[in-house]
Amino acid sequence: MWLQRRKNTKQNSTTSPNSKKVVYLDIMIGNKFICQLPYSHNPLSPVTEEQAVNFVINKRPSLRGKKFRIQFSSNKSILTIKFKTFMATNFIGKKVIIRADRAGVFFGTLKEKETTPAGVEVVLENSRRLWYWNGAASLSQMATEGVKNPHDCKFTVVVPEHNVMQVIEIIPCTEEAVKSIEGVSIWKR
């Protein structure tokens, strides 16, 4: 009886091509712990960065577009990307709406993005300050649908290149929103 149990245990502990191991991934934004996710993988098959990032975003869609790190709870690492920071989506070259901490809200093409000790800093091309808008309840709605009352909006002149510091939000715009925002008359005095 004891020998039979030992044989079963030994047989189950060997790694077969179909056996899965579970590791726990700690997801971090900066130094803040967000969540822990169990990740099943076959130790005989390498895991790519793309697989790990897609797994995390699939389990936590709210992390899409955010900078996050993947750390391993155990000492075993299944990836070579321990402590690497990911930006789930890259918006360089796309029309975006930017919310800055104190400078306000801007629309333009994202040329550069950098994290500095002072915070996130971006360079926008052909940017406009969105001083006041009517016809969108939020920036999220404006980035997806545009504005419904363009004649009531106050969007400034186009600046060829603009450096915006302390950015707290970057929202990509749909084609519909871009057409709407660019169609708003220039507000100036």
Protein backbone atom coordinates (compact mmCIF):
# COMPACT_ATOMS: atom_id res chain seq x y z
CA MET A 1 0.00 0.00 0.00
CA TRP A 2 2.73 2.48 0.99
CA LEU A 3 4.73 1.60 -2.15
CA GLN A 4 1.68 2.14 -4.38
CA ARG A 5 1.10 5.61 -2.88
CA ARG A 6 4.76 6.50 -3.36
CA LYS A 7 4.65 5.42 -7.03
CA ASN A 8 1.50 7.54 -7.62
CA THR A 9 3.12 10.54 -5.95
CA LYS A 10 6.28 10.16 -7.96
CA GLN A 11 4.33 9.78 -11.20
CA ASN A 12 2.24 12.91 -10.50
CA SER A 13 5.24 15.05 -9.59
CA THR A 14 7.06 14.60 -12.90
CA THR A 15 6.64 17.35 -15.44
CA SER A 16 4.81 16.13 -18.49
CA PRO A 17 4.28 18.26 -21.61
CA ASN A 18 0.67 18.88 -20.53
CA SER A 19 1.23 19.59 -16.82
CA LYS A 20 0.58 23.13 -15.63
CA LYS A 21 2.20 25.06 -12.80
CA VAL A 22 0.64 28.02 -11.07
CA VAL A 23 2.61 31.10 -10.11
CA TYR A 24 1.17 34.22 -8.54
CA LEU A 25 1.72 37.55 -10.25
CA ASP A 26 1.71 40.71 -8.15
CA ILE A 27 0.54 43.64 -10.26
CA MET A 28 1.94 47.01 -9.20
CA ILE A 29 1.48 50.62 -10.34
CA GLY A 30 4.45 52.55 -9.01
CA ASN A 31 4.91 51.27 -5.46
CA LYS A 32 1.21 50.55 -5.02
CA PHE A 33 0.01 46.95 -4.97
CA ILE A 34 -3.02 46.53 -7.27
CA CYS A 35 -3.83 42.82 -7.22
CA GLN A 36 -2.47 39.29 -7.26
CA LEU A 37 -3.35 36.99 -10.17
CA PRO A 38 -2.79 33.22 -10.39
CA TYR A 39 -1.12 32.38 -13.72
CA SER A 40 -1.11 28.80 -15.01
CA HIS A 41 1.70 27.88 -17.36
CA ASN A 42 3.58 24.91 -18.69
CA PRO A 43 7.13 25.13 -17.32
CA LEU A 44 8.46 23.48 -20.49
CA SER A 45 7.14 26.31 -22.68
CA PRO A 46 8.56 29.82 -22.37
CA VAL A 47 6.14 32.64 -21.58
CA THR A 48 6.50 35.81 -23.65
CA GLU A 49 6.09 39.39 -22.47
CA GLU A 50 3.08 39.77 -24.75
CA GLN A 51 1.37 36.70 -23.22
CA ALA A 52 1.92 38.00 -19.68
CA VAL A 53 0.73 41.53 -20.44
CA ASN A 54 -2.32 40.26 -22.36
CA PHE A 55 -3.16 37.91 -19.48
CA VAL A 56 -3.04 40.77 -16.97
CA ILE A 57 -5.13 43.11 -19.16
CA ASN A 58 -7.64 40.34 -19.84
CA LYS A 59 -8.07 39.76 -16.10
CA ARG A 60 -7.97 43.45 -15.18
CA PRO A 61 -9.25 45.56 -18.14
CA SER A 62 -8.95 48.71 -16.02
CA LEU A 63 -5.16 48.46 -16.43
CA ARG A 64 -5.37 49.01 -20.20
CA GLY A 65 -3.36 52.11 -21.06
CA LYS A 66 -1.75 52.30 -17.62
CA LYS A 67 1.85 51.77 -16.65
CA PHE A 68 2.16 48.64 -14.52
CA ARG A 69 4.76 46.16 -13.30
CA ILE A 70 4.55 42.41 -12.98
CA GLN A 71 6.32 40.93 -9.96
CA PHE A 72 6.38 37.31 -8.91
CA SER A 73 5.22 36.28 -5.46
CA SER A 74 7.43 33.19 -5.44
CA ASN A 75 11.18 33.05 -5.91
CA LYS A 76 10.71 31.18 -9.20
CA SER A 77 10.51 33.42 -12.22
CA ILE A 78 8.68 32.16 -15.30
CA LEU A 79 9.64 35.22 -17.29
CA THR A 80 12.71 37.33 -17.82
CA ILE A 81 10.60 40.48 -17.44
CA LYS A 82 10.50 40.69 -13.65
CA PHE A 83 10.13 44.33 -12.56
CA LYS A 84 9.77 45.57 -16.14
CA THR A 85 7.26 48.40 -16.51
CA PHE A 86 4.65 48.11 -19.24
CA MET A 87 2.53 50.65 -20.97
CA ALA A 88 -0.39 48.59 -22.15
CA THR A 89 -1.14 50.83 -25.11
CA ASN A 90 1.10 53.22 -26.99
CA PHE A 91 -0.60 56.40 -28.19
CA ILE A 92 2.43 58.06 -29.86
CA GLY A 93 1.36 59.54 -33.21
CA LYS A 94 -2.35 59.43 -32.31
CA LYS A 95 -4.83 62.21 -31.61
CA VAL A 96 -5.43 62.34 -27.86
CA ILE A 97 -7.01 64.40 -25.12
CA ILE A 98 -4.61 65.17 -22.28
CA ARG A 99 -5.59 66.22 -18.76
CA ALA A 100 -2.77 67.91 -16.86
CA ASP A 101 -2.70 68.46 -13.11
CA ARG A 102 -2.85 72.26 -13.17
CA ALA A 103 -2.53 73.30 -16.81
CA GLY A 104 -5.93 72.04 -17.93
CA VAL A 105 -7.12 69.92 -20.84
CA PHE A 106 -5.54 69.70 -24.29
CA PHE A 107 -6.22 68.04 -27.63
CA GLY A 108 -3.49 67.20 -30.15
CA THR A 109 -1.20 64.56 -31.64
CA LEU A 110 0.99 62.86 -29.05
CA LYS A 111 4.60 63.25 -30.21
CA GLU A 112 6.54 62.23 -27.08
CA LYS A 113 5.86 60.94 -23.59
CA GLU A 114 8.34 60.70 -20.75
CA THR A 115 8.16 59.94 -17.04
CA THR A 116 10.30 62.36 -15.05
CA PRO A 117 10.78 62.89 -11.30
CA ALA A 118 8.16 65.66 -11.59
CA GLY A 119 5.62 63.31 -13.23
CA VAL A 120 4.55 62.47 -16.76
CA GLU A 121 5.54 64.99 -19.41
CA VAL A 122 4.28 64.95 -23.01
CA VAL A 123 4.86 66.87 -26.21
CA LEU A 124 1.78 67.53 -28.33
CA GLU A 125 1.77 68.64 -31.95
CA ASN A 126 -0.99 70.90 -33.28
CA SER A 127 -2.52 71.19 -29.83
CA ARG A 128 -5.52 73.16 -28.65
CA ARG A 129 -6.45 73.97 -25.08
CA LEU A 130 -10.01 72.79 -24.40
CA TRP A 131 -11.00 75.58 -22.07
CA TYR A 132 -14.77 74.93 -22.00
CA TRP A 133 -16.99 72.38 -23.71
CA ASN A 134 -20.72 71.76 -24.01
CA GLY A 135 -22.32 68.61 -25.34
CA ALA A 136 -20.14 66.01 -23.64
CA ALA A 137 -20.56 64.99 -20.01
CA SER A 138 -16.92 63.96 -19.60
CA LEU A 139 -13.58 63.83 -21.36
CA SER A 140 -14.19 60.15 -21.99
CA GLN A 141 -17.38 60.96 -23.88
CA MET A 142 -15.65 63.77 -25.77
CA ALA A 143 -12.80 61.40 -26.79
CA THR A 144 -15.25 58.84 -28.13
CA GLU A 145 -18.13 60.95 -29.54
CA GLY A 146 -16.85 64.52 -29.75
CA VAL A 147 -19.04 67.43 -28.67
CA LYS A 148 -22.75 67.82 -29.49
CA ASN A 149 -22.82 71.64 -29.20
CA PRO A 150 -19.65 72.85 -30.97
CA HIS A 151 -20.89 76.46 -31.15
CA ASP A 152 -20.93 76.60 -27.31
CA CYS A 153 -17.34 75.33 -26.88
CA LYS A 154 -14.24 77.39 -26.16
CA PHE A 155 -11.23 75.73 -27.81
CA THR A 156 -8.15 77.92 -28.33
CA VAL A 157 -5.90 78.47 -31.34
CA VAL A 158 -3.71 75.64 -32.63
CA VAL A 159 -0.18 75.64 -31.20
CA PRO A 160 2.36 73.85 -33.47
CA GLU A 161 4.19 72.17 -30.56
CA HIS A 162 3.35 72.20 -26.87
CA ASN A 163 5.13 70.69 -23.86
CA VAL A 164 2.64 69.69 -21.13
CA MET A 165 3.91 68.62 -17.70
CA GLN A 166 2.24 66.73 -14.84
CA VAL A 167 -0.10 64.81 -17.13
CA ILE A 168 -2.61 62.71 -15.21
CA GLU A 169 -4.71 61.35 -18.07
CA ILE A 170 -4.19 60.46 -21.75
CA ILE A 171 -7.28 59.44 -23.72
CA PRO A 172 -7.09 58.36 -27.38
CA CYS A 173 -9.72 59.91 -29.66
CA THR A 174 -11.94 58.17 -32.19
CA GLU A 175 -12.20 59.48 -35.76
CA GLU A 176 -15.67 60.82 -34.94
CA ALA A 177 -14.31 62.76 -31.97
CA VAL A 178 -11.33 64.14 -33.91
CA LYS A 179 -13.65 65.44 -36.65
CA SER A 180 -15.93 67.05 -34.05
CA ILE A 181 -13.15 68.66 -31.98
CA GLU A 182 -11.25 69.96 -35.02
CA GLY A 183 -14.55 71.37 -36.31
CA VAL A 184 -15.01 73.66 -33.30
CA SER A 185 -14.32 77.32 -34.16
CA ILE A 186 -11.23 78.93 -32.64
CA TRP A 187 -11.99 80.87 -29.48
CA LYS A 188 -9.91 84.01 -29.06
CA ARG A 189 -10.23 87.67 -28.14
